[in-house]
Amino acid sequence: MTGSKVDDQMELISHFYPKIYSQLAQQEETVKPRRRRKKNKVEGRNNTSEVVMRKRKLLSEEQVNLLEQSFGDQHKLETERKAKLASELGLDPHQVAVWFQNKRARWKNKKLEEEYSKLKTQHEDTITEKYRLETEVLKMKEQLCEAEKKIERLLLEHKSDISSNNSPTSSIFSMEQPHFNLGEFGIEGQLMDDNMFFVADYQSNYVTLWDN
């Protein structure tokens, strides 16, 4: 129904049935305050819960210190220990459990940050050591190359000395030995050792080895 129709009906009822109209009017008046009372109750509950939450969140310094000490002794919170702590601190067991959960989460995050920082430092040290070793390897390669060149140069010098010291077999008698010359007789010779000497007779074109 629209508002105008309802008003017309209420006017007719009030004209022909005044008692019924008065009852309906009273019912409407009683319904409206009830709705307001419900709202007030809801608001009161919300205010009460907010006050309780504030009381739960606010911890004294002594309570925090005792909770920190208990957490340092044991990170896990068992039921009996939770009830004991709540009784000693004058707190709700649920509040103690929530505090431990938050503390464990912060503690784990801190441990992860410390572990990450440690691994990062180790990684940086490893990279630095890697660069140092690579530089050392390059220096050693250069030293090895220089040593190989030096060895090759020494080998060439040694071969050159050997080739210069060796003479042909045909010039064996050109080595410095005691020499004598009997040119007037057409004879020339060399003393080979203590017992033998070499004589060349150019007139007869033959060579004689004499044994002393």
Protein backbone atom coordinates (compact mmCIF):
# COMPACT_ATOMS: atom_id res chain seq x y z
CA MET A 1 0.00 0.00 0.00
CA THR A 2 1.01 3.59 -0.57
CA GLY A 3 1.26 6.08 2.25
CA SER A 4 -1.87 8.00 1.23
CA LYS A 5 -4.05 4.86 1.25
CA VAL A 6 -2.78 3.89 4.69
CA ASP A 7 -3.60 7.33 6.02
CA ASP A 8 -7.13 7.16 4.53
CA GLN A 9 -7.75 3.77 6.13
CA MET A 10 -6.46 4.96 9.48
CA GLU A 11 -8.76 7.98 9.29
CA LEU A 12 -11.79 5.76 8.57
CA ILE A 13 -10.84 3.43 11.41
CA SER A 14 -10.48 6.33 13.81
CA HIS A 15 -13.90 7.64 12.77
CA PHE A 16 -15.86 4.36 12.95
CA TYR A 17 -13.72 2.35 15.37
CA PRO A 18 -12.03 4.72 17.78
CA LYS A 19 -11.01 1.97 20.22
CA ILE A 20 -9.27 -0.06 17.52
CA TYR A 21 -7.51 3.05 16.27
CA SER A 22 -6.20 3.86 19.73
CA GLN A 23 -4.84 0.29 20.08
CA LEU A 24 -3.09 0.50 16.71
CA ALA A 25 -1.56 3.83 17.59
CA GLN A 26 -0.23 2.43 20.86
CA GLN A 27 1.28 -0.57 19.06
CA GLU A 28 3.10 1.70 16.62
CA GLU A 29 4.52 3.74 19.47
CA THR A 30 5.76 0.62 21.31
CA VAL A 31 7.38 -0.88 18.20
CA LYS A 32 9.60 2.12 17.43
CA PRO A 33 11.34 2.31 20.84
CA ARG A 34 12.09 -1.41 20.72
CA ARG A 35 14.08 -0.96 17.54
CA ARG A 36 16.03 1.83 19.16
CA ARG A 37 16.72 -0.31 22.19
CA LYS A 38 18.21 -3.03 19.94
CA LYS A 39 20.52 -0.52 18.38
CA ASN A 40 21.57 0.70 21.77
CA LYS A 41 22.29 -2.87 22.85
CA VAL A 42 24.42 -3.52 19.77
CA GLU A 43 26.31 -0.31 20.31
CA GLY A 44 26.81 -1.21 23.94
CA ARG A 45 28.20 -4.61 23.02
CA ASN A 46 30.60 -3.07 20.53
CA ASN A 47 31.78 -0.57 23.08
CA THR A 48 32.26 -3.33 25.63
CA SER A 49 34.28 -5.48 23.21
CA GLU A 50 36.45 -2.51 22.30
CA VAL A 51 37.16 -1.84 25.95
CA VAL A 52 38.03 -5.49 26.51
CA MET A 53 40.38 -5.53 23.50
CA ARG A 54 42.07 -2.38 24.74
CA LYS A 55 42.57 -3.94 28.14
CA ARG A 56 44.01 -7.05 26.50
CA LYS A 57 46.41 -5.12 24.29
CA LEU A 58 47.75 -2.92 27.07
CA LEU A 59 50.46 -4.82 28.94
CA SER A 60 52.60 -3.44 31.69
CA GLU A 61 56.37 -3.38 31.39
CA GLU A 62 56.65 -6.08 34.02
CA GLN A 63 54.24 -8.35 32.14
CA VAL A 64 56.17 -7.86 28.90
CA ASN A 65 59.48 -8.62 30.61
CA LEU A 66 58.10 -11.82 32.13
CA LEU A 67 56.67 -12.89 28.78
CA GLU A 68 59.99 -12.16 27.07
CA GLN A 69 61.83 -14.19 29.69
CA SER A 70 59.40 -17.09 29.32
CA PHE A 71 59.74 -16.97 25.53
CA GLY A 72 63.53 -17.01 25.83
CA ASP A 73 63.31 -20.18 27.91
CA GLN A 74 60.92 -21.95 25.54
CA HIS A 75 59.47 -20.71 22.25
CA LYS A 76 56.59 -23.16 22.21
CA LEU A 77 53.63 -22.58 24.50
CA GLU A 78 51.87 -25.62 25.89
CA THR A 79 48.42 -25.55 27.45
CA GLU A 80 49.59 -25.97 31.04
CA ARG A 81 52.31 -23.38 30.64
CA LYS A 82 49.89 -20.96 29.00
CA ALA A 83 47.45 -21.28 31.90
CA LYS A 84 50.24 -20.85 34.43
CA LEU A 85 51.59 -17.72 32.74
CA ALA A 86 48.11 -16.24 32.42
CA SER A 87 47.50 -16.84 36.11
CA GLU A 88 50.85 -15.36 37.16
CA LEU A 89 50.50 -12.29 34.95
CA GLY A 90 46.80 -11.75 35.49
CA LEU A 91 46.06 -12.08 31.78
CA ASP A 92 43.63 -14.02 29.66
CA PRO A 93 45.13 -17.32 28.37
CA HIS A 94 44.09 -16.38 24.84
CA GLN A 95 45.98 -13.11 25.16
CA VAL A 96 49.11 -15.00 26.26
CA ALA A 97 48.75 -17.38 23.29
CA VAL A 98 48.36 -14.47 20.84
CA TRP A 99 51.41 -12.73 22.30
CA PHE A 100 53.50 -15.90 21.86
CA GLN A 101 52.28 -16.35 18.28
CA ASN A 102 53.24 -12.78 17.37
CA LYS A 103 56.56 -13.12 19.16
CA ARG A 104 57.39 -16.36 17.33
CA ALA A 105 56.53 -14.75 13.99
CA ARG A 106 58.82 -11.78 14.72
CA TRP A 107 61.56 -14.11 15.97
CA LYS A 108 61.40 -16.24 12.81
CA ASN A 109 61.52 -13.15 10.59
CA LYS A 110 64.57 -11.90 12.49
CA LYS A 111 66.29 -15.28 12.13
CA LEU A 112 65.59 -15.28 8.40
CA GLU A 113 67.02 -11.78 8.06
CA GLU A 114 70.15 -12.79 9.97
CA GLU A 115 70.55 -15.94 7.87
CA TYR A 116 70.07 -13.96 4.67
CA SER A 117 72.66 -11.40 5.77
CA LYS A 118 75.08 -14.20 6.61
CA LEU A 119 74.59 -15.94 3.27
CA LYS A 120 74.94 -12.64 1.44
CA THR A 121 78.25 -11.94 3.17
CA GLN A 122 79.50 -15.45 2.35
CA HIS A 123 78.45 -15.00 -1.28
CA GLU A 124 80.31 -11.70 -1.54
CA ASP A 125 83.40 -13.24 0.07
CA THR A 126 83.22 -16.16 -2.37
CA ILE A 127 83.04 -13.81 -5.36
CA THR A 128 86.00 -11.81 -4.04
CA GLU A 129 88.01 -15.01 -3.56
CA LYS A 130 87.03 -16.15 -7.07
CA TYR A 131 88.37 -12.94 -8.61
CA ARG A 132 91.56 -13.24 -6.56
CA LEU A 133 92.13 -16.83 -7.72
CA GLU A 134 91.45 -15.90 -11.34
CA THR A 135 94.04 -13.12 -11.10
CA GLU A 136 96.52 -15.53 -9.51
CA VAL A 137 95.92 -18.08 -12.28
CA LEU A 138 96.60 -15.44 -14.94
CA LYS A 139 99.87 -14.50 -13.24
CA MET A 140 100.91 -18.16 -13.04
CA LYS A 141 100.10 -18.66 -16.72
CA GLU A 142 102.29 -15.69 -17.61
CA GLN A 143 105.12 -17.07 -15.46
CA LEU A 144 104.74 -20.49 -17.09
CA CYS A 145 104.87 -18.96 -20.56
CA GLU A 146 108.05 -17.04 -19.66
CA ALA A 147 109.62 -20.21 -18.23
CA GLU A 148 108.82 -22.17 -21.39
CA LYS A 149 110.40 -19.45 -23.53
CA LYS A 150 113.49 -19.45 -21.34
CA ILE A 151 113.80 -23.25 -21.54
CA GLU A 152 113.44 -23.14 -25.32
CA ARG A 153 116.12 -20.44 -25.54
CA LEU A 154 118.50 -22.45 -23.35
CA LEU A 155 117.95 -25.58 -25.44
CA LEU A 156 118.78 -23.68 -28.63
CA GLU A 157 121.94 -22.27 -27.06
CA HIS A 158 122.96 -25.73 -25.88
CA LYS A 159 122.46 -27.21 -29.35
CA SER A 160 124.46 -24.38 -30.86
CA ASP A 161 127.34 -25.01 -28.44
CA ILE A 162 127.32 -28.74 -29.22
CA SER A 163 127.38 -28.17 -32.98
CA SER A 164 130.23 -25.68 -32.70
CA ASN A 165 132.33 -28.00 -30.50
CA ASN A 166 131.90 -31.06 -32.74
CA SER A 167 134.33 -31.27 -35.75
CA PRO A 168 134.16 -33.61 -38.82
CA THR A 169 135.91 -37.00 -38.60
CA SER A 170 138.08 -36.08 -41.58
CA SER A 171 139.72 -33.31 -39.56
CA ILE A 172 140.59 -35.48 -36.57
CA PHE A 173 144.26 -35.01 -37.22
CA SER A 174 143.94 -31.25 -37.32
CA MET A 175 143.67 -31.20 -33.53
CA GLU A 176 146.65 -29.70 -31.78
CA GLN A 177 149.26 -32.45 -31.40
CA PRO A 178 153.05 -32.41 -31.31
CA HIS A 179 154.09 -31.68 -34.89
CA PHE A 180 157.33 -32.19 -36.70
CA ASN A 181 158.43 -31.21 -40.19
CA LEU A 182 161.13 -32.87 -42.21
CA GLY A 183 160.48 -30.92 -45.35
CA GLU A 184 163.95 -31.40 -46.73
CA PHE A 185 163.23 -35.10 -46.86
CA GLY A 186 159.67 -34.62 -48.10
CA ILE A 187 158.34 -35.97 -44.79
CA GLU A 188 155.88 -34.32 -42.36
CA GLY A 189 154.29 -35.95 -39.32
CA GLN A 190 152.46 -35.61 -35.98
CA LEU A 191 152.84 -37.43 -32.70
CA MET A 192 149.57 -39.25 -32.08
CA ASP A 193 150.26 -40.44 -28.53
CA ASP A 194 153.15 -41.73 -26.47
CA ASN A 195 153.61 -44.83 -28.61
CA MET A 196 152.54 -43.86 -32.14
CA PHE A 197 153.14 -41.03 -34.56
CA PHE A 198 151.91 -40.24 -38.02
CA VAL A 199 154.28 -39.71 -40.98
CA ALA A 200 153.37 -38.51 -44.45
CA ASP A 201 155.91 -39.09 -47.27
CA TYR A 202 154.96 -36.69 -50.01
CA GLN A 203 157.57 -38.09 -52.37
CA SER A 204 156.21 -41.62 -52.29
CA ASN A 205 152.60 -40.57 -51.60
CA TYR A 206 152.00 -42.92 -48.71
CA VAL A 207 151.31 -42.62 -44.97
CA THR A 208 153.04 -44.58 -42.26
CA LEU A 209 151.99 -45.06 -38.62
CA TRP A 210 154.95 -45.94 -36.48
CA ASP A 211 154.61 -47.74 -33.21
CA ASN A 212 157.20 -46.66 -30.68
